Amino acid sequence: MADEARRDGPPPFDSPFENEDTKQRVYGAVLHAREPMTAAEIAERADCSEESARTHLSFYADLGIVIHHEGRPARYERNDDYFEWRRVNELAREHAVEELQARVSEFTERIERYRDEYGADSPADVDVLEFDATQVDDVYVDLGDWATAIEERRLHERARQKATGSTAPSH
């Protein structure tokens, strides 16, 4: 029973790629990296040899998933533009133009509600310290949701434009 629960739940925090092959572990290490890393650092996180990490990193760089920075030592980082492109294509492929348009409108309405509620143009313009201590947690939740809505609206709008072949904004 405990094994069954573990299989259905999230992987252990300390070794999330434990049952993956080397290629997947290197991929996971790159995805979780917050800054450019050397092949040795990635190999350590992926629990593989440095040479194996370099081989997979080269493959991922050729695909555009990873950015290879020349130097001694060379460094590698996740290519966020690739993942954004992939997300936009996925949205455009899986949703009708009308669905994308509706989501853009929903996100726009949510953004406008936050602008009105906080009297600010963006979450970055809100000073959390101006709120009572009992409200701070709720304000942080709102600011996170607001920032997410801005990002999701942008991605959904790009997907809508891709699906229609249009570059005219819908909101």
C-alpha atoms as a PDB file:
ATOM      1  CA  MET A   1       0.000   0.000   0.000  1.00  0.00           C
ATOM      2  CA  ALA A   2       2.777   2.463   0.876  1.00  0.00           C
ATOM      3  CA  ASP A   3       4.557   1.636  -2.399  1.00  0.00           C
ATOM      4  CA  GLU A   4       1.321   2.230  -4.303  1.00  0.00           C
ATOM      5  CA  ALA A   5       0.809   5.622  -2.637  1.00  0.00           C
ATOM      6  CA  ARG A   6       4.399   6.580  -3.401  1.00  0.00           C
ATOM      7  CA  ARG A   7       3.981   5.696  -7.095  1.00  0.00           C
ATOM      8  CA  ASP A   8       0.894   7.902  -7.343  1.00  0.00           C
ATOM      9  CA  GLY A   9       2.356  10.837  -5.430  1.00  0.00           C
ATOM     10  CA  PRO A  10       5.150  13.229  -6.235  1.00  0.00           C
ATOM     11  CA  PRO A  11       8.710  11.945  -6.367  1.00  0.00           C
ATOM     12  CA  PRO A  12      10.871  12.295  -3.263  1.00  0.00           C
ATOM     13  CA  PHE A  13      12.141  15.856  -2.973  1.00  0.00           C
ATOM     14  CA  ASP A  14      15.777  14.871  -2.504  1.00  0.00           C
ATOM     15  CA  SER A  15      15.972  12.727  -5.684  1.00  0.00           C
ATOM     16  CA  PRO A  16      13.098  13.513  -8.063  1.00  0.00           C
ATOM     17  CA  PHE A  17      14.736  11.794 -11.095  1.00  0.00           C
ATOM     18  CA  GLU A  18      15.935   8.695  -9.304  1.00  0.00           C
ATOM     19  CA  ASN A  19      14.124   6.222 -11.592  1.00  0.00           C
ATOM     20  CA  GLU A  20      14.832   8.068 -14.841  1.00  0.00           C
ATOM     21  CA  ASP A  21      17.510   7.293 -17.402  1.00  0.00           C
ATOM     22  CA  THR A  22      20.579   9.517 -17.719  1.00  0.00           C
ATOM     23  CA  LYS A  23      19.128  11.572 -20.571  1.00  0.00           C
ATOM     24  CA  GLN A  24      16.048  12.417 -18.468  1.00  0.00           C
ATOM     25  CA  ARG A  25      18.111  13.173 -15.367  1.00  0.00           C
ATOM     26  CA  VAL A  26      20.292  15.632 -17.326  1.00  0.00           C
ATOM     27  CA  TYR A  27      17.139  17.205 -18.771  1.00  0.00           C
ATOM     28  CA  GLY A  28      15.653  17.521 -15.284  1.00  0.00           C
ATOM     29  CA  ALA A  29      18.842  19.028 -13.888  1.00  0.00           C
ATOM     30  CA  VAL A  30      18.825  21.695 -16.597  1.00  0.00           C
ATOM     31  CA  LEU A  31      15.128  22.433 -16.065  1.00  0.00           C
ATOM     32  CA  HIS A  32      15.667  22.984 -12.357  1.00  0.00           C
ATOM     33  CA  ALA A  33      18.805  25.103 -12.743  1.00  0.00           C
ATOM     34  CA  ARG A  34      18.368  28.747 -11.799  1.00  0.00           C
ATOM     35  CA  GLU A  35      21.583  29.909 -13.472  1.00  0.00           C
ATOM     36  CA  PRO A  36      24.057  28.665 -16.102  1.00  0.00           C
ATOM     37  CA  MET A  37      25.931  25.596 -14.897  1.00  0.00           C
ATOM     38  CA  THR A  38      28.987  23.655 -15.980  1.00  0.00           C
ATOM     39  CA  ALA A  39      28.704  20.106 -17.302  1.00  0.00           C
ATOM     40  CA  ALA A  40      30.320  18.914 -14.052  1.00  0.00           C
ATOM     41  CA  GLU A  41      27.654  20.647 -11.943  1.00  0.00           C
ATOM     42  CA  ILE A  42      24.872  19.207 -14.093  1.00  0.00           C
ATOM     43  CA  ALA A  43      26.492  15.759 -13.977  1.00  0.00           C
ATOM     44  CA  GLU A  44      26.556  15.945 -10.187  1.00  0.00           C
ATOM     45  CA  ARG A  45      22.874  16.854 -10.026  1.00  0.00           C
ATOM     46  CA  ALA A  46      21.976  14.215 -12.619  1.00  0.00           C
ATOM     47  CA  ASP A  47      24.127  11.570 -10.944  1.00  0.00           C
ATOM     48  CA  CYS A  48      26.045  10.701 -14.095  1.00  0.00           C
ATOM     49  CA  SER A  49      29.502  11.132 -15.574  1.00  0.00           C
ATOM     50  CA  GLU A  50      30.588  14.520 -16.851  1.00  0.00           C
ATOM     51  CA  GLU A  51      31.113  13.046 -20.330  1.00  0.00           C
ATOM     52  CA  SER A  52      27.595  11.629 -20.369  1.00  0.00           C
ATOM     53  CA  ALA A  53      26.199  14.989 -19.247  1.00  0.00           C
ATOM     54  CA  ARG A  54      28.146  16.751 -22.039  1.00  0.00           C
ATOM     55  CA  THR A  55      26.771  14.333 -24.638  1.00  0.00           C
ATOM     56  CA  HIS A  56      23.172  14.949 -23.594  1.00  0.00           C
ATOM     57  CA  LEU A  57      23.721  18.687 -23.166  1.00  0.00           C
ATOM     58  CA  SER A  58      25.098  18.886 -26.701  1.00  0.00           C
ATOM     59  CA  PHE A  59      21.991  17.093 -27.970  1.00  0.00           C
ATOM     60  CA  TYR A  60      19.702  19.463 -26.041  1.00  0.00           C
ATOM     61  CA  ALA A  61      21.672  22.474 -27.291  1.00  0.00           C
ATOM     62  CA  ASP A  62      21.210  21.280 -30.894  1.00  0.00           C
ATOM     63  CA  LEU A  63      17.447  21.103 -30.265  1.00  0.00           C
ATOM     64  CA  GLY A  64      17.399  24.597 -28.747  1.00  0.00           C
ATOM     65  CA  ILE A  65      16.311  23.342 -25.328  1.00  0.00           C
ATOM     66  CA  VAL A  66      19.620  24.369 -23.749  1.00  0.00           C
ATOM     67  CA  ILE A  67      21.820  27.392 -24.404  1.00  0.00           C
ATOM     68  CA  HIS A  68      25.530  26.564 -24.578  1.00  0.00           C
ATOM     69  CA  HIS A  69      27.815  29.375 -23.405  1.00  0.00           C
ATOM     70  CA  GLU A  70      31.385  29.053 -24.660  1.00  0.00           C
ATOM     71  CA  GLY A  71      34.183  29.506 -22.176  1.00  0.00           C
ATOM     72  CA  ARG A  72      36.420  27.632 -19.809  1.00  0.00           C
ATOM     73  CA  PRO A  73      34.519  25.902 -18.491  1.00  0.00           C
ATOM     74  CA  ALA A  74      31.537  26.003 -20.835  1.00  0.00           C
ATOM     75  CA  ARG A  75      28.211  26.637 -19.146  1.00  0.00           C
ATOM     76  CA  TYR A  76      24.705  25.505 -19.992  1.00  0.00           C
ATOM     77  CA  GLU A  77      21.316  26.931 -19.163  1.00  0.00           C
ATOM     78  CA  ARG A  78      17.681  26.256 -19.843  1.00  0.00           C
ATOM     79  CA  ASN A  79      16.391  28.111 -22.915  1.00  0.00           C
ATOM     80  CA  ASP A  80      13.206  29.701 -21.598  1.00  0.00           C
ATOM     81  CA  ASP A  81      12.298  30.920 -25.104  1.00  0.00           C
ATOM     82  CA  TYR A  82      12.108  27.302 -26.276  1.00  0.00           C
ATOM     83  CA  PHE A  83       9.675  26.386 -23.498  1.00  0.00           C
ATOM     84  CA  GLU A  84       7.553  29.444 -24.177  1.00  0.00           C
ATOM     85  CA  TRP A  85       7.444  28.591 -27.903  1.00  0.00           C
ATOM     86  CA  ARG A  86       6.456  25.041 -27.011  1.00  0.00           C
ATOM     87  CA  ARG A  87       3.670  26.237 -24.678  1.00  0.00           C
ATOM     88  CA  VAL A  88       2.271  28.647 -27.293  1.00  0.00           C
ATOM     89  CA  ASN A  89       2.247  25.900 -29.932  1.00  0.00           C
ATOM     90  CA  GLU A  90       0.574  23.499 -27.530  1.00  0.00           C
ATOM     91  CA  LEU A  91      -2.149  26.035 -26.693  1.00  0.00           C
ATOM     92  CA  ALA A  92      -2.732  26.819 -30.387  1.00  0.00           C
ATOM     93  CA  ARG A  93      -2.921  23.123 -31.268  1.00  0.00           C
ATOM     94  CA  GLU A  94      -5.174  22.031 -28.404  1.00  0.00           C
ATOM     95  CA  HIS A  95      -7.662  24.905 -28.273  1.00  0.00           C
ATOM     96  CA  ALA A  96     -10.028  26.487 -30.759  1.00  0.00           C
ATOM     97  CA  VAL A  97      -9.504  30.161 -31.578  1.00  0.00           C
ATOM     98  CA  GLU A  98     -12.745  30.971 -29.748  1.00  0.00           C
ATOM     99  CA  GLU A  99     -11.494  29.231 -26.594  1.00  0.00           C
ATOM    100  CA  LEU A 100      -8.221  31.147 -26.736  1.00  0.00           C
ATOM    101  CA  GLN A 101     -10.105  34.412 -27.263  1.00  0.00           C
ATOM    102  CA  ALA A 102     -12.356  33.657 -24.288  1.00  0.00           C
ATOM    103  CA  ARG A 103      -9.342  32.915 -22.075  1.00  0.00           C
ATOM    104  CA  VAL A 104      -7.632  36.159 -23.169  1.00  0.00           C
ATOM    105  CA  SER A 105     -10.814  38.022 -22.197  1.00  0.00           C
ATOM    106  CA  GLU A 106     -11.016  36.214 -18.835  1.00  0.00           C
ATOM    107  CA  PHE A 107      -7.401  37.041 -18.033  1.00  0.00           C
ATOM    108  CA  THR A 108      -7.932  40.658 -19.098  1.00  0.00           C
ATOM    109  CA  GLU A 109     -10.936  40.970 -16.774  1.00  0.00           C
ATOM    110  CA  ARG A 110      -8.971  39.450 -13.876  1.00  0.00           C
ATOM    111  CA  ILE A 111      -6.066  41.847 -14.517  1.00  0.00           C
ATOM    112  CA  GLU A 112      -8.431  44.826 -14.602  1.00  0.00           C
ATOM    113  CA  ARG A 113     -10.039  43.747 -11.305  1.00  0.00           C
ATOM    114  CA  TYR A 114      -6.613  43.642  -9.646  1.00  0.00           C
ATOM    115  CA  ARG A 115      -5.687  47.038 -11.136  1.00  0.00           C
ATOM    116  CA  ASP A 116      -8.890  48.507  -9.723  1.00  0.00           C
ATOM    117  CA  GLU A 117      -8.555  46.756  -6.344  1.00  0.00           C
ATOM    118  CA  TYR A 118      -4.954  47.836  -5.792  1.00  0.00           C
ATOM    119  CA  GLY A 119      -5.000  51.128  -7.681  1.00  0.00           C
ATOM    120  CA  ALA A 120      -1.881  50.092  -9.599  1.00  0.00           C
ATOM    121  CA  ASP A 121      -0.969  49.156 -13.164  1.00  0.00           C
ATOM    122  CA  SER A 122       1.004  46.040 -12.258  1.00  0.00           C
ATOM    123  CA  PRO A 123       1.828  43.825  -9.273  1.00  0.00           C
ATOM    124  CA  ALA A 124       5.292  45.405  -9.130  1.00  0.00           C
ATOM    125  CA  ASP A 125       3.674  48.762  -8.349  1.00  0.00           C
ATOM    126  CA  VAL A 126       2.041  47.471  -5.148  1.00  0.00           C
ATOM    127  CA  ASP A 127       3.869  48.057  -1.861  1.00  0.00           C
ATOM    128  CA  VAL A 128       2.923  45.147   0.386  1.00  0.00           C
ATOM    129  CA  LEU A 129       4.220  47.001   3.443  1.00  0.00           C
ATOM    130  CA  GLU A 130       1.334  49.457   3.116  1.00  0.00           C
ATOM    131  CA  PHE A 131      -1.076  46.712   4.199  1.00  0.00           C
ATOM    132  CA  ASP A 132      -1.997  45.527   7.651  1.00  0.00           C
ATOM    133  CA  ALA A 133       0.046  42.513   8.788  1.00  0.00           C
ATOM    134  CA  THR A 134      -3.085  40.342   8.756  1.00  0.00           C
ATOM    135  CA  GLN A 135      -3.566  41.102   5.039  1.00  0.00           C
ATOM    136  CA  VAL A 136      -0.013  40.577   3.803  1.00  0.00           C
ATOM    137  CA  ASP A 137      -0.375  36.882   2.976  1.00  0.00           C
ATOM    138  CA  ASP A 138      -3.565  37.515   0.999  1.00  0.00           C
ATOM    139  CA  VAL A 139      -1.938  40.414  -0.842  1.00  0.00           C
ATOM    140  CA  TYR A 140       1.010  38.206  -1.832  1.00  0.00           C
ATOM    141  CA  VAL A 141      -1.425  35.570  -3.134  1.00  0.00           C
ATOM    142  CA  ASP A 142      -3.245  38.232  -5.163  1.00  0.00           C
ATOM    143  CA  LEU A 143      -0.010  39.636  -6.561  1.00  0.00           C
ATOM    144  CA  GLY A 144       1.125  36.162  -7.611  1.00  0.00           C
ATOM    145  CA  ASP A 145      -2.217  35.449  -9.266  1.00  0.00           C
ATOM    146  CA  TRP A 146      -2.146  38.852 -10.966  1.00  0.00           C
ATOM    147  CA  ALA A 147       1.352  38.239 -12.367  1.00  0.00           C
ATOM    148  CA  THR A 148       0.290  34.782 -13.532  1.00  0.00           C
ATOM    149  CA  ALA A 149      -2.786  36.234 -15.246  1.00  0.00           C
ATOM    150  CA  ILE A 150      -0.597  38.747 -17.102  1.00  0.00           C
ATOM    151  CA  GLU A 151       1.752  35.988 -18.289  1.00  0.00           C
ATOM    152  CA  GLU A 152      -1.042  33.584 -19.231  1.00  0.00           C
ATOM    153  CA  ARG A 153      -2.885  36.312 -21.153  1.00  0.00           C
ATOM    154  CA  ARG A 154       0.289  37.010 -23.132  1.00  0.00           C
ATOM    155  CA  LEU A 155       0.791  33.315 -23.939  1.00  0.00           C
ATOM    156  CA  HIS A 156      -2.856  32.738 -24.843  1.00  0.00           C
ATOM    157  CA  GLU A 157      -2.840  35.825 -27.047  1.00  0.00           C
ATOM    158  CA  ARG A 158       0.265  34.589 -28.856  1.00  0.00           C
ATOM    159  CA  ALA A 159      -1.434  31.215 -29.343  1.00  0.00           C
ATOM    160  CA  ARG A 160      -4.587  32.911 -30.644  1.00  0.00           C
ATOM    161  CA  GLN A 161      -2.526  34.950 -33.088  1.00  0.00           C
ATOM    162  CA  LYS A 162      -0.705  31.816 -34.210  1.00  0.00           C
ATOM    163  CA  ALA A 163      -3.966  29.927 -34.688  1.00  0.00           C
ATOM    164  CA  THR A 164      -5.520  32.716 -36.737  1.00  0.00           C
ATOM    165  CA  GLY A 165      -2.367  33.838 -38.512  1.00  0.00           C
ATOM    166  CA  SER A 166      -3.070  37.323 -37.118  1.00  0.00           C
ATOM    167  CA  THR A 167      -0.850  39.686 -35.188  1.00  0.00           C
ATOM    168  CA  ALA A 168      -3.683  42.030 -34.188  1.00  0.00           C
ATOM    169  CA  PRO A 169      -4.226  41.921 -30.414  1.00  0.00           C
ATOM    170  CA  SER A 170      -7.601  40.655 -29.219  1.00  0.00           C
ATOM    171  CA  HIS A 171      -7.938  42.567 -25.956  1.00  0.00           C
END
